[in-house]
Amino acid sequence: MSKEKKTNVMRILDKAKIPYIARSYEYKESNLSGTHAAAALGYDPAIVFKTIVTKGDRTGPIIFCLPSSKELDLKAAARISKNKNLEMIHVKDLPALTGYVRGGCSPIGMKKQFSTYIDSSCLFHEQISISAGQRGQQILLSARALIDFIHATTADITRMIISCFTDQSVKNNSQTNPF
């Protein structure tokens, strides 16, 4: 039986004596989403938090962690982080700035400690799942322990993802049924 390889995030948490559960899952380059991770691990998407790296016009890089089933509300995030505007960091710039690649970005263990905001919905969950710093690796840990460890601020920073029906039968049905 082979021993699971520890990521840098896991080593940092071990050193800080913060308990966590590590889980691995299969992923495809074409789908690195948090909702895919949630489904693969059998977790509620509301507890699988993705890490978004942005740049504020006044503050520079800022990290946001939010449920995988939601989108970052850029206006709310800018306001909360004391910026007028925020823009997403380009994927090619992630490794140089954070040390992580898309799909494996964690708020723990970045090259530098950036201001970090976690969606306040994390407070409704005893534990949340975040990237363990590599694609296909997640860690489940106390939301409160994460907030305290990375000195994060909780705030309402999300909006729901709205999807449109594309199923032809739904379109056809809506044409014949006005309700």
Foldseek 3Di string as FASTA:
>chain_A
DDDDDADPLRVVCVVVVFDKDKAFFDDDPVDLAQVVVCVRVVHDLQQEWEKFWKQAPPFGIEIEIGRRQWDFPQCQVCVVVVGRGIDGDDQVCCCVFFVAHPSQGFQPDGPDQHAYEYEPSLVVDQWGWYHSRDHRMIMIGGPVVVCVVSVYHYDHGTDGDDDDDPDVVVVVVCVVDVD
